[in-house]
N, C-alpha and C. Protein backbone atom coordinates (compact mmCIF):
# COMPACT_ATOMS: atom_id res chain seq x y z
N UNK A 1 37.63 77.28 116.13
CA UNK A 1 38.41 78.43 116.31
C UNK A 1 39.53 78.01 115.40
N UNK A 2 39.96 79.50 114.67
CA UNK A 2 41.24 79.23 114.05
C UNK A 2 42.48 79.58 115.07
N UNK A 3 43.42 78.81 114.63
CA UNK A 3 44.71 79.11 115.67
C UNK A 3 45.78 80.03 114.84
N UNK A 4 45.99 81.30 115.08
CA UNK A 4 46.73 82.12 114.85
C UNK A 4 48.17 81.91 115.05
N UNK A 5 49.08 81.60 113.74
CA UNK A 5 50.59 81.59 113.76
C UNK A 5 50.99 82.73 113.88
N UNK A 6 52.27 82.48 114.77
CA UNK A 6 53.41 83.89 114.98
C UNK A 6 54.21 83.66 113.88
N UNK A 7 54.14 84.70 112.94
CA UNK A 7 55.25 84.60 111.67
C UNK A 7 56.58 85.51 112.35
N UNK A 8 57.57 84.61 112.40
CA UNK A 8 58.84 85.22 112.74
C UNK A 8 59.64 85.74 111.57
N UNK A 9 60.10 86.94 111.90
CA UNK A 9 60.81 87.36 110.80
C UNK A 9 62.03 87.18 110.59
N UNK A 10 62.78 86.85 109.63
CA UNK A 10 64.31 86.66 109.57
C UNK A 10 65.02 87.44 110.46
N UNK A 11 66.27 87.09 111.27
CA UNK A 11 66.89 88.22 111.92
C UNK A 11 67.55 88.84 110.99
N UNK A 12 68.31 89.91 111.44
CA UNK A 12 69.21 90.93 110.75
C UNK A 12 70.76 90.72 111.07
N UNK A 13 71.72 90.55 110.35
CA UNK A 13 73.11 90.21 110.70
C UNK A 13 74.05 91.22 110.01
N UNK A 14 74.88 91.28 110.92
CA UNK A 14 75.98 92.62 110.51
C UNK A 14 77.30 91.98 110.65
N UNK A 15 78.09 92.29 109.39
CA UNK A 15 79.05 91.84 109.05
C UNK A 15 80.21 92.65 110.32
N UNK A 16 80.98 91.96 111.03
CA UNK A 16 81.93 92.73 111.69
C UNK A 16 83.38 93.10 111.26
N UNK A 17 83.20 92.86 110.06
CA UNK A 17 84.44 93.50 109.06
C UNK A 17 84.01 94.89 108.53
N UNK A 18 83.05 94.82 107.56
CA UNK A 18 82.79 95.98 106.58
C UNK A 18 81.48 96.61 107.31
N UNK A 19 80.57 96.00 108.18
CA UNK A 19 79.43 96.52 108.52
C UNK A 19 78.25 96.48 107.88
N UNK A 20 78.30 95.61 106.64
CA UNK A 20 77.45 95.23 105.91
C UNK A 20 76.10 94.45 106.51
N UNK A 21 74.91 94.85 106.07
CA UNK A 21 73.89 94.43 107.14
C UNK A 21 72.64 93.58 106.12
N UNK A 22 72.45 92.19 106.39
CA UNK A 22 71.63 91.58 105.66
C UNK A 22 70.39 90.94 106.59
N UNK A 23 69.56 90.36 106.06
CA UNK A 23 68.30 89.75 106.53
C UNK A 23 68.04 88.23 106.24
N UNK A 24 68.42 87.41 106.95
CA UNK A 24 68.85 86.13 106.47
C UNK A 24 68.44 84.93 107.71
N UNK A 25 68.07 83.65 107.59
CA UNK A 25 67.90 82.63 108.65
C UNK A 25 68.94 82.76 109.37
N UNK A 26 70.20 82.54 108.76
CA UNK A 26 71.77 82.44 109.49
C UNK A 26 72.84 83.07 108.69
N UNK A 27 73.39 83.67 109.33
CA UNK A 27 74.57 84.38 108.52
C UNK A 27 75.25 83.74 107.55
N UNK A 28 76.15 84.10 106.74
CA UNK A 28 76.69 83.28 105.43
C UNK A 28 78.06 83.12 105.97
N UNK A 29 78.49 82.21 105.40
CA UNK A 29 80.37 81.80 105.61
C UNK A 29 81.08 82.95 105.14
N UNK A 30 80.69 83.51 104.10
CA UNK A 30 81.52 84.67 103.72
C UNK A 30 80.68 85.70 103.24
N UNK A 31 81.11 87.05 103.69
CA UNK A 31 80.39 88.16 103.74
C UNK A 31 80.03 88.60 102.04
N UNK A 32 78.82 88.73 101.31
CA UNK A 32 78.53 89.17 100.42
C UNK A 32 79.05 90.53 99.81
N UNK A 33 79.26 91.27 100.84
CA UNK A 33 80.24 92.67 100.50
C UNK A 33 81.71 92.90 100.21
N UNK A 34 81.94 92.09 101.39
CA UNK A 34 83.64 92.30 101.50
C UNK A 34 84.31 91.12 101.00
N UNK A 35 83.36 90.17 100.75
CA UNK A 35 84.12 88.87 100.59
C UNK A 35 85.12 88.25 101.41
N UNK A 36 85.00 88.37 102.82
CA UNK A 36 85.87 87.90 103.63
C UNK A 36 84.94 86.59 104.63
N UNK A 37 85.95 85.87 105.06
CA UNK A 37 84.99 84.93 106.26
C UNK A 37 85.10 85.75 107.61
N UNK A 38 83.95 86.62 107.82
CA UNK A 38 83.59 87.26 109.20
C UNK A 38 82.78 86.88 109.84
N UNK A 39 83.10 87.48 111.25
CA UNK A 39 81.96 87.60 112.27
C UNK A 39 80.52 88.09 112.17
N UNK A 40 79.54 87.36 111.92
CA UNK A 40 77.96 88.25 111.97
C UNK A 40 77.48 88.41 113.26
N UNK A 41 76.93 89.70 113.19
CA UNK A 41 76.35 89.93 114.61
C UNK A 41 75.05 90.05 114.61
N UNK A 42 74.27 89.50 115.33
CA UNK A 42 72.77 89.63 115.27
C UNK A 42 72.32 91.08 115.61
N UNK A 43 72.08 91.75 114.75
CA UNK A 43 71.42 93.34 115.23
C UNK A 43 69.91 93.37 115.21
N UNK A 44 69.33 92.12 115.26
CA UNK A 44 67.80 92.31 115.42
C UNK A 44 67.31 92.88 116.70
N UNK A 45 66.23 93.62 116.54
CA UNK A 45 65.43 94.14 117.36
C UNK A 45 64.65 93.07 118.38
N UNK A 46 64.96 92.98 119.71
CA UNK A 46 64.12 92.08 120.64
C UNK A 46 63.61 92.98 121.64
N UNK A 47 63.67 93.61 121.60
CA UNK A 47 63.21 94.72 123.25
C UNK A 47 62.21 95.76 122.44
N UNK A 48 61.24 96.03 123.83
CA UNK A 48 60.35 96.86 123.44
C UNK A 48 60.70 98.32 123.19
N UNK A 49 61.73 98.77 123.01
CA UNK A 49 62.22 99.96 123.09
C UNK A 49 62.41 100.45 121.53
N UNK A 50 62.48 99.40 120.54
CA UNK A 50 62.61 99.38 119.29
C UNK A 50 61.67 98.66 118.78
N UNK A 51 60.66 98.02 119.20
CA UNK A 51 59.25 97.86 118.74
C UNK A 51 59.34 96.56 118.10
N UNK A 52 60.46 95.48 118.76
CA UNK A 52 60.62 94.34 118.40
C UNK A 52 60.72 94.16 116.87
N UNK A 53 60.91 94.92 116.20
CA UNK A 53 60.97 95.04 114.65
C UNK A 53 62.15 95.76 114.03
N UNK A 54 62.74 95.15 112.72
CA UNK A 54 63.88 95.63 112.25
C UNK A 54 65.39 95.63 113.26
N UNK A 55 66.04 96.53 112.70
CA UNK A 55 67.28 96.49 113.23
C UNK A 55 67.23 97.58 114.64
N UNK A 56 68.31 96.85 115.61
CA UNK A 56 67.83 97.29 116.93
C UNK A 56 68.98 99.03 116.69
N UNK A 57 68.77 100.19 116.61
CA UNK A 57 69.72 100.83 116.52
C UNK A 57 70.89 101.14 117.53
N UNK A 58 70.96 100.57 118.39
CA UNK A 58 71.64 100.24 119.34
C UNK A 58 72.78 99.71 119.06
N UNK A 59 72.32 98.71 118.11
CA UNK A 59 73.18 97.53 117.58
C UNK A 59 73.62 97.96 116.02
N UNK A 60 72.70 98.25 115.42
CA UNK A 60 73.02 98.53 113.84
C UNK A 60 73.54 99.94 113.71
């Protein structure tokens, strides 16, 4: 039997300064949009309400 591997999507990150959102393994040190060193918030969907895919509308 073949073992099915679960494909993990890269999380979505939102810049706390300008709101720019990108999909990467880890957030960047400097925001590519505002060129500032900002905090990035993980806005990926991890709940059934948004289907476990994409950006959680409550956070994005």
